[in-house]
Amino acid sequence: MLVRLILCSLKGARIPYNAPGSFLINAVNGKVAFVHNGGDIVAASPDGSHVAIINGSSWPPYVNVARFDDDAPVLELHCSASEQRLPASLSFKGWRDDGTFDMVLSPKSGKAPGDSAVPLRMALAGGVWSIAAPDLSRLRESFGWSCKG
């Protein structure tokens, strides 16, 4: 399924503030989804079947992944750090293929020296998302990282 991106900024009577974002249009059936991307990174997969929305600078950082099906976008995955754990930022490193993308979870400056950045790989196989990292237990214990979907 092909998806075209049309960038826009809505301003005025309907929305009382700037709402920069993207209209994602299904090129086959014309259905439209709006994705806010003011402070977020919005990245469509190479085949246009998914979109990753990464809010990496707010606390807690999170990633949402939606799949475009015939009727409407479907939220397939939500991952985030815990507010009660080590403050961190999340950087998107890009899609590797149609169902795999990479990110890096980094502690905010001024934290303990042992708290180094953690590379993450999110992969879709058989309709199920999985996460790979060098040390999954540290990811959960230090950052409170958890995923649903």
N, C-alpha and C. Protein backbone atom coordinates (compact mmCIF):
# COMPACT_ATOMS: atom_id res chain seq x y z
N MET A 1 0.84 -1.16 0.00
CA MET A 1 0.00 0.00 0.00
C MET A 1 0.89 1.24 0.00
N LEU A 2 0.69 2.11 -0.95
CA LEU A 2 1.50 3.32 -1.03
C LEU A 2 0.86 4.44 -0.24
N VAL A 3 1.67 5.22 0.40
CA VAL A 3 1.18 6.36 1.18
C VAL A 3 1.97 7.58 0.76
N ARG A 4 1.26 8.64 0.41
CA ARG A 4 1.91 9.91 0.09
C ARG A 4 1.91 10.78 1.33
N LEU A 5 2.94 11.55 1.54
CA LEU A 5 3.00 12.48 2.66
C LEU A 5 2.78 13.88 2.13
N ILE A 6 1.87 14.59 2.77
CA ILE A 6 1.64 15.99 2.43
C ILE A 6 1.88 16.77 3.72
N LEU A 7 2.91 17.60 3.74
CA LEU A 7 3.23 18.36 4.94
C LEU A 7 2.40 19.62 4.99
N CYS A 8 1.94 19.96 6.17
CA CYS A 8 1.12 21.17 6.30
C CYS A 8 1.24 21.73 7.70
N SER A 9 0.76 22.91 7.87
CA SER A 9 0.61 23.51 9.18
C SER A 9 -0.78 24.13 9.22
N LEU A 10 -1.58 23.68 10.15
CA LEU A 10 -2.93 24.21 10.28
C LEU A 10 -2.91 25.34 11.29
N LYS A 11 -3.57 26.42 10.95
CA LYS A 11 -3.58 27.59 11.82
C LYS A 11 -4.92 28.29 11.62
N GLY A 12 -5.52 28.74 12.69
CA GLY A 12 -6.70 29.55 12.48
C GLY A 12 -7.91 29.11 13.27
N ALA A 13 -9.08 29.25 12.64
CA ALA A 13 -10.36 29.13 13.32
C ALA A 13 -10.61 27.77 13.95
N ARG A 14 -10.27 26.70 13.29
CA ARG A 14 -10.60 25.38 13.81
C ARG A 14 -9.68 24.92 14.94
N ILE A 15 -8.42 25.30 14.89
CA ILE A 15 -7.46 24.88 15.90
C ILE A 15 -6.84 26.14 16.49
N PRO A 16 -6.92 26.30 17.82
CA PRO A 16 -6.47 27.54 18.44
C PRO A 16 -4.96 27.70 18.55
N TYR A 17 -4.18 26.80 18.00
CA TYR A 17 -2.73 26.90 18.04
C TYR A 17 -2.18 26.25 16.78
N ASN A 18 -0.91 26.49 16.51
CA ASN A 18 -0.27 25.83 15.37
C ASN A 18 -0.25 24.33 15.60
N ALA A 19 -0.58 23.58 14.61
CA ALA A 19 -0.57 22.12 14.72
C ALA A 19 0.16 21.55 13.51
N PRO A 20 1.49 21.67 13.51
CA PRO A 20 2.21 21.12 12.36
C PRO A 20 2.05 19.61 12.32
N GLY A 21 1.96 19.08 11.13
CA GLY A 21 1.80 17.64 11.02
C GLY A 21 1.76 17.20 9.59
N SER A 22 1.43 15.96 9.42
CA SER A 22 1.38 15.36 8.10
C SER A 22 0.03 14.71 7.88
N PHE A 23 -0.53 14.92 6.71
CA PHE A 23 -1.68 14.15 6.28
C PHE A 23 -1.14 12.93 5.55
N LEU A 24 -1.47 11.75 6.01
CA LEU A 24 -1.03 10.52 5.37
C LEU A 24 -2.20 10.02 4.55
N ILE A 25 -2.01 9.94 3.25
CA ILE A 25 -3.11 9.62 2.34
C ILE A 25 -2.85 8.26 1.69
N ASN A 26 -3.81 7.36 1.85
CA ASN A 26 -3.72 6.06 1.20
C ASN A 26 -3.94 6.28 -0.28
N ALA A 27 -2.93 5.99 -1.07
CA ALA A 27 -3.00 6.24 -2.51
C ALA A 27 -3.97 5.31 -3.23
N VAL A 28 -4.35 4.22 -2.58
CA VAL A 28 -5.28 3.26 -3.19
C VAL A 28 -6.73 3.66 -2.96
N ASN A 29 -7.09 3.96 -1.68
CA ASN A 29 -8.49 4.24 -1.38
C ASN A 29 -8.77 5.68 -0.96
N GLY A 30 -7.73 6.51 -0.83
CA GLY A 30 -7.92 7.92 -0.51
C GLY A 30 -8.18 8.23 0.95
N LYS A 31 -8.18 7.24 1.84
CA LYS A 31 -8.41 7.50 3.26
C LYS A 31 -7.24 8.30 3.82
N VAL A 32 -7.54 9.16 4.79
CA VAL A 32 -6.57 10.11 5.30
C VAL A 32 -6.41 9.96 6.81
N ALA A 33 -5.16 10.08 7.29
CA ALA A 33 -4.87 10.16 8.72
C ALA A 33 -3.98 11.37 8.93
N PHE A 34 -4.20 12.10 10.02
CA PHE A 34 -3.36 13.25 10.35
C PHE A 34 -2.45 12.85 11.51
N VAL A 35 -1.17 13.11 11.38
CA VAL A 35 -0.20 12.80 12.42
C VAL A 35 0.46 14.09 12.85
N HIS A 36 0.28 14.44 14.14
CA HIS A 36 0.92 15.63 14.69
C HIS A 36 2.41 15.37 14.77
N ASN A 37 3.22 16.31 14.32
CA ASN A 37 4.67 16.11 14.41
C ASN A 37 5.41 17.38 14.80
N GLY A 38 4.79 18.16 15.67
CA GLY A 38 5.44 19.39 16.12
C GLY A 38 6.79 19.13 16.75
N GLY A 39 6.85 18.28 17.76
CA GLY A 39 8.10 17.92 18.39
C GLY A 39 8.43 16.47 18.19
N ASP A 40 7.62 15.79 17.43
CA ASP A 40 7.78 14.36 17.20
C ASP A 40 8.48 14.10 15.88
N ILE A 41 9.08 12.93 15.78
CA ILE A 41 9.60 12.44 14.51
C ILE A 41 8.54 11.50 13.97
N VAL A 42 8.13 11.70 12.74
CA VAL A 42 7.16 10.85 12.08
C VAL A 42 7.84 10.26 10.86
N ALA A 43 7.97 8.93 10.84
CA ALA A 43 8.70 8.28 9.76
C ALA A 43 7.92 7.09 9.22
N ALA A 44 7.56 7.16 7.95
CA ALA A 44 6.87 6.05 7.30
C ALA A 44 7.87 4.97 6.94
N SER A 45 7.44 3.71 7.03
CA SER A 45 8.29 2.59 6.63
C SER A 45 8.53 2.67 5.12
N PRO A 46 9.59 2.04 4.62
CA PRO A 46 9.90 2.13 3.19
C PRO A 46 8.75 1.71 2.28
N ASP A 47 7.94 0.74 2.70
CA ASP A 47 6.83 0.30 1.85
C ASP A 47 5.54 1.06 2.13
N GLY A 48 5.57 2.00 3.10
CA GLY A 48 4.40 2.81 3.41
C GLY A 48 3.32 2.10 4.20
N SER A 49 3.60 0.91 4.71
CA SER A 49 2.58 0.16 5.44
C SER A 49 2.48 0.55 6.91
N HIS A 50 3.53 1.18 7.46
CA HIS A 50 3.58 1.56 8.88
C HIS A 50 4.13 2.97 9.01
N VAL A 51 3.84 3.57 10.15
CA VAL A 51 4.45 4.85 10.50
C VAL A 51 4.88 4.76 11.96
N ALA A 52 6.11 5.23 12.23
CA ALA A 52 6.63 5.32 13.58
C ALA A 52 6.57 6.78 14.01
N ILE A 53 6.02 7.02 15.19
CA ILE A 53 5.94 8.37 15.75
C ILE A 53 6.77 8.35 17.02
N ILE A 54 7.86 9.11 17.02
CA ILE A 54 8.80 9.08 18.13
C ILE A 54 8.81 10.44 18.82
N ASN A 55 8.50 10.45 20.11
CA ASN A 55 8.64 11.65 20.91
C ASN A 55 9.83 11.40 21.81
N GLY A 56 10.98 11.85 21.37
CA GLY A 56 12.22 11.52 22.06
C GLY A 56 12.73 12.54 23.03
N SER A 57 12.21 13.77 22.98
CA SER A 57 12.77 14.82 23.83
C SER A 57 11.90 15.11 25.05
N SER A 58 10.63 14.78 25.03
CA SER A 58 9.77 14.97 26.21
C SER A 58 9.99 13.81 27.18
N TRP A 59 9.60 14.04 28.43
CA TRP A 59 9.73 12.98 29.42
C TRP A 59 8.36 12.48 29.81
N PRO A 60 8.09 11.20 29.79
CA PRO A 60 9.00 10.15 29.33
C PRO A 60 8.96 9.99 27.81
N PRO A 61 10.08 9.61 27.22
CA PRO A 61 10.09 9.41 25.77
C PRO A 61 9.26 8.19 25.38
N TYR A 62 8.70 8.21 24.17
CA TYR A 62 7.89 7.08 23.73
C TYR A 62 7.96 6.93 22.22
N VAL A 63 7.52 5.76 21.76
CA VAL A 63 7.36 5.50 20.34
C VAL A 63 6.02 4.80 20.15
N ASN A 64 5.29 5.24 19.13
CA ASN A 64 4.06 4.57 18.70
C ASN A 64 4.26 4.11 17.28
N VAL A 65 3.75 2.94 16.95
CA VAL A 65 3.81 2.44 15.59
C VAL A 65 2.39 2.09 15.16
N ALA A 66 1.99 2.67 14.03
CA ALA A 66 0.66 2.41 13.49
C ALA A 66 0.80 1.70 12.14
N ARG A 67 -0.14 0.81 11.89
CA ARG A 67 -0.21 0.12 10.60
C ARG A 67 -1.38 0.71 9.83
N PHE A 68 -1.17 0.91 8.56
CA PHE A 68 -2.25 1.40 7.71
C PHE A 68 -2.98 0.19 7.15
N ASP A 69 -4.23 0.01 7.57
CA ASP A 69 -5.01 -1.05 6.93
C ASP A 69 -6.05 -0.39 6.03
N ASP A 70 -6.94 -1.16 5.48
CA ASP A 70 -7.86 -0.64 4.48
C ASP A 70 -8.83 0.40 5.03
N ASP A 71 -9.17 0.31 6.31
CA ASP A 71 -10.17 1.22 6.87
C ASP A 71 -9.59 2.43 7.57
N ALA A 72 -8.57 2.21 8.39
CA ALA A 72 -8.01 3.30 9.18
C ALA A 72 -6.67 2.86 9.76
N PRO A 73 -5.86 3.81 10.23
CA PRO A 73 -4.62 3.42 10.90
C PRO A 73 -4.94 2.64 12.18
N VAL A 74 -4.12 1.65 12.48
CA VAL A 74 -4.30 0.82 13.67
C VAL A 74 -3.02 0.90 14.50
N LEU A 75 -3.16 1.29 15.78
CA LEU A 75 -2.00 1.34 16.66
C LEU A 75 -1.56 -0.09 16.96
N GLU A 76 -0.35 -0.43 16.54
CA GLU A 76 0.16 -1.79 16.76
C GLU A 76 1.12 -1.87 17.95
N LEU A 77 1.78 -0.76 18.27
CA LEU A 77 2.81 -0.81 19.30
C LEU A 77 2.93 0.53 20.00
N HIS A 78 3.07 0.47 21.33
CA HIS A 78 3.37 1.66 22.12
C HIS A 78 4.45 1.26 23.12
N CYS A 79 5.58 1.96 23.10
CA CYS A 79 6.67 1.72 24.05
C CYS A 79 7.04 3.04 24.70
N SER A 80 7.38 2.99 25.99
CA SER A 80 7.81 4.21 26.67
C SER A 80 8.68 3.89 27.87
N ALA A 81 9.40 4.91 28.31
CA ALA A 81 10.17 4.82 29.55
C ALA A 81 9.22 5.17 30.69
N SER A 82 9.63 4.86 31.90
CA SER A 82 8.82 5.16 33.08
C SER A 82 9.23 6.51 33.66
N GLU A 83 8.25 7.26 34.12
CA GLU A 83 8.54 8.56 34.74
C GLU A 83 9.32 8.41 36.04
N GLN A 84 9.27 7.24 36.66
CA GLN A 84 9.94 7.02 37.94
C GLN A 84 11.38 6.55 37.79
N ARG A 85 11.86 6.43 36.58
CA ARG A 85 13.21 5.92 36.36
C ARG A 85 14.13 6.99 35.81
N LEU A 86 15.30 6.56 35.40
CA LEU A 86 16.35 7.44 34.90
C LEU A 86 15.86 8.28 33.71
N PRO A 87 15.90 9.63 33.81
CA PRO A 87 15.49 10.47 32.68
C PRO A 87 16.35 10.20 31.45
N ALA A 88 15.70 10.13 30.30
CA ALA A 88 16.41 9.78 29.07
C ALA A 88 15.78 10.46 27.87
N SER A 89 16.50 10.43 26.78
CA SER A 89 15.96 10.90 25.50
C SER A 89 16.00 9.72 24.52
N LEU A 90 15.20 9.80 23.47
CA LEU A 90 15.10 8.73 22.49
C LEU A 90 15.39 9.29 21.12
N SER A 91 16.34 8.69 20.41
CA SER A 91 16.72 9.13 19.07
C SER A 91 16.33 8.07 18.05
N PHE A 92 15.69 8.50 16.98
CA PHE A 92 15.32 7.60 15.90
C PHE A 92 16.50 7.51 14.94
N LYS A 93 16.88 6.29 14.55
CA LYS A 93 18.03 6.08 13.66
C LYS A 93 17.61 5.62 12.27
N GLY A 94 16.32 5.36 12.08
CA GLY A 94 15.84 5.04 10.74
C GLY A 94 15.30 3.63 10.58
N TRP A 95 14.54 3.47 9.52
CA TRP A 95 14.01 2.16 9.13
C TRP A 95 15.12 1.40 8.43
N ARG A 96 15.31 0.14 8.78
CA ARG A 96 16.30 -0.73 8.12
C ARG A 96 15.65 -1.48 6.96
N ASP A 97 14.37 -1.79 7.11
CA ASP A 97 13.59 -2.43 6.06
C ASP A 97 12.11 -2.16 6.35
N ASP A 98 11.21 -2.83 5.67
CA ASP A 98 9.77 -2.53 5.81
C ASP A 98 9.21 -2.80 7.20
N GLY A 99 9.88 -3.61 8.02
CA GLY A 99 9.36 -3.94 9.34
C GLY A 99 10.37 -3.84 10.45
N THR A 100 11.45 -3.09 10.26
CA THR A 100 12.49 -2.99 11.29
C THR A 100 13.03 -1.56 11.34
N PHE A 101 13.11 -1.01 12.55
CA PHE A 101 13.75 0.30 12.70
C PHE A 101 14.59 0.33 13.96
N ASP A 102 15.53 1.26 14.01
CA ASP A 102 16.47 1.39 15.12
C ASP A 102 16.29 2.72 15.84
N MET A 103 16.56 2.68 17.15
CA MET A 103 16.52 3.87 18.00
C MET A 103 17.66 3.76 19.01
N VAL A 104 17.94 4.86 19.71
CA VAL A 104 18.90 4.86 20.81
C VAL A 104 18.27 5.59 21.98
N LEU A 105 18.25 4.94 23.14
CA LEU A 105 17.76 5.52 24.38
C LEU A 105 18.98 5.99 25.17
N SER A 106 19.07 7.30 25.43
CA SER A 106 20.26 7.87 26.07
C SER A 106 19.88 8.57 27.37
N PRO A 107 20.64 8.31 28.44
CA PRO A 107 20.37 9.03 29.69
C PRO A 107 20.63 10.52 29.51
N LYS A 108 19.85 11.34 30.21
CA LYS A 108 20.08 12.79 30.17
C LYS A 108 21.41 13.08 30.84
N SER A 109 22.05 14.18 30.46
CA SER A 109 23.37 14.52 30.98
C SER A 109 23.35 14.67 32.50
N GLY A 110 24.51 14.43 33.10
CA GLY A 110 24.65 14.59 34.53
C GLY A 110 24.30 13.34 35.32
N LYS A 111 24.08 12.23 34.66
CA LYS A 111 23.74 10.99 35.36
C LYS A 111 25.02 10.18 35.62
N ALA A 112 24.86 9.06 36.28
CA ALA A 112 26.00 8.21 36.65
C ALA A 112 26.79 7.77 35.43
N PRO A 113 28.12 7.63 35.54
CA PRO A 113 28.96 7.26 34.40
C PRO A 113 28.59 5.92 33.77
N GLY A 114 28.08 4.98 34.55
CA GLY A 114 27.72 3.67 34.01
C GLY A 114 26.44 3.68 33.18
N ASP A 115 25.75 4.79 33.18
CA ASP A 115 24.49 4.88 32.46
C ASP A 115 24.75 5.34 31.02
N SER A 116 25.10 4.41 30.17
CA SER A 116 25.40 4.73 28.78
C SER A 116 24.17 4.53 27.91
N ALA A 117 24.26 5.00 26.70
CA ALA A 117 23.16 4.89 25.73
C ALA A 117 22.91 3.41 25.40
N VAL A 118 21.64 3.11 25.10
CA VAL A 118 21.24 1.75 24.77
C VAL A 118 20.63 1.73 23.37
N PRO A 119 21.27 1.03 22.42
CA PRO A 119 20.67 0.89 21.09
C PRO A 119 19.49 -0.08 21.14
N LEU A 120 18.44 0.23 20.41
CA LEU A 120 17.23 -0.61 20.36
C LEU A 120 16.90 -0.93 18.92
N ARG A 121 16.44 -2.12 18.68
CA ARG A 121 15.93 -2.49 17.36
C ARG A 121 14.52 -3.03 17.55
N MET A 122 13.58 -2.43 16.86
CA MET A 122 12.19 -2.87 16.87
C MET A 122 11.95 -3.61 15.56
N ALA A 123 11.42 -4.84 15.65
CA ALA A 123 11.25 -5.65 14.44
C ALA A 123 9.87 -6.31 14.43
N LEU A 124 9.26 -6.32 13.27
CA LEU A 124 7.96 -6.94 13.06
C LEU A 124 8.16 -8.25 12.32
N ALA A 125 7.66 -9.35 12.91
CA ALA A 125 7.75 -10.66 12.26
C ALA A 125 6.48 -11.43 12.59
N GLY A 126 5.80 -11.89 11.58
CA GLY A 126 4.58 -12.66 11.79
C GLY A 126 3.48 -11.87 12.49
N GLY A 127 3.45 -10.56 12.27
CA GLY A 127 2.43 -9.71 12.88
C GLY A 127 2.71 -9.32 14.32
N VAL A 128 3.89 -9.67 14.85
CA VAL A 128 4.23 -9.37 16.25
C VAL A 128 5.50 -8.54 16.29
N TRP A 129 5.47 -7.44 17.07
CA TRP A 129 6.64 -6.59 17.24
C TRP A 129 7.51 -7.15 18.35
N SER A 130 8.83 -7.12 18.15
CA SER A 130 9.78 -7.53 19.19
C SER A 130 10.83 -6.44 19.34
N ILE A 131 11.50 -6.47 20.49
CA ILE A 131 12.55 -5.50 20.77
C ILE A 131 13.86 -6.24 21.01
N ALA A 132 14.93 -5.71 20.45
CA ALA A 132 16.26 -6.27 20.68
C ALA A 132 17.15 -5.16 21.22
N ALA A 133 17.93 -5.49 22.22
CA ALA A 133 18.88 -4.56 22.83
C ALA A 133 20.01 -5.39 23.44
N PRO A 134 21.20 -4.80 23.59
CA PRO A 134 22.30 -5.56 24.18
C PRO A 134 21.99 -6.09 25.58
N ASP A 135 21.20 -5.34 26.35
CA ASP A 135 20.88 -5.75 27.72
C ASP A 135 19.44 -5.35 28.03
N LEU A 136 18.51 -6.25 27.77
CA LEU A 136 17.08 -5.95 27.98
C LEU A 136 16.76 -5.69 29.44
N SER A 137 17.43 -6.38 30.37
CA SER A 137 17.13 -6.17 31.79
C SER A 137 17.52 -4.75 32.21
N ARG A 138 18.66 -4.25 31.73
CA ARG A 138 19.07 -2.87 32.04
C ARG A 138 18.08 -1.86 31.47
N LEU A 139 17.59 -2.18 30.28
CA LEU A 139 16.60 -1.32 29.63
C LEU A 139 15.37 -1.17 30.52
N ARG A 140 14.92 -2.27 31.09
CA ARG A 140 13.75 -2.24 31.97
C ARG A 140 14.08 -1.64 33.34
N GLU A 141 15.21 -2.04 33.92
CA GLU A 141 15.54 -1.60 35.28
C GLU A 141 15.96 -0.13 35.34
N SER A 142 16.82 0.30 34.43
CA SER A 142 17.32 1.69 34.48
C SER A 142 16.30 2.69 33.95
N PHE A 143 15.63 2.33 32.85
CA PHE A 143 14.75 3.28 32.18
C PHE A 143 13.26 2.95 32.36
N GLY A 144 12.94 1.77 32.87
CA GLY A 144 11.54 1.38 32.99
C GLY A 144 10.87 1.20 31.64
N TRP A 145 11.66 0.82 30.63
CA TRP A 145 11.15 0.69 29.26
C TRP A 145 10.17 -0.48 29.17
N SER A 146 9.00 -0.20 28.62
CA SER A 146 8.01 -1.27 28.43
C SER A 146 7.25 -1.01 27.14
N CYS A 147 6.75 -2.11 26.57
CA CYS A 147 6.00 -2.05 25.31
C CYS A 147 4.68 -2.79 25.44
N LYS A 148 3.69 -2.26 24.73
CA LYS A 148 2.38 -2.91 24.63
C LYS A 148 2.01 -2.95 23.18
N GLY A 149 1.44 -4.06 22.80
CA GLY A 149 0.97 -4.14 21.42
C GLY A 149 1.29 -5.44 20.78
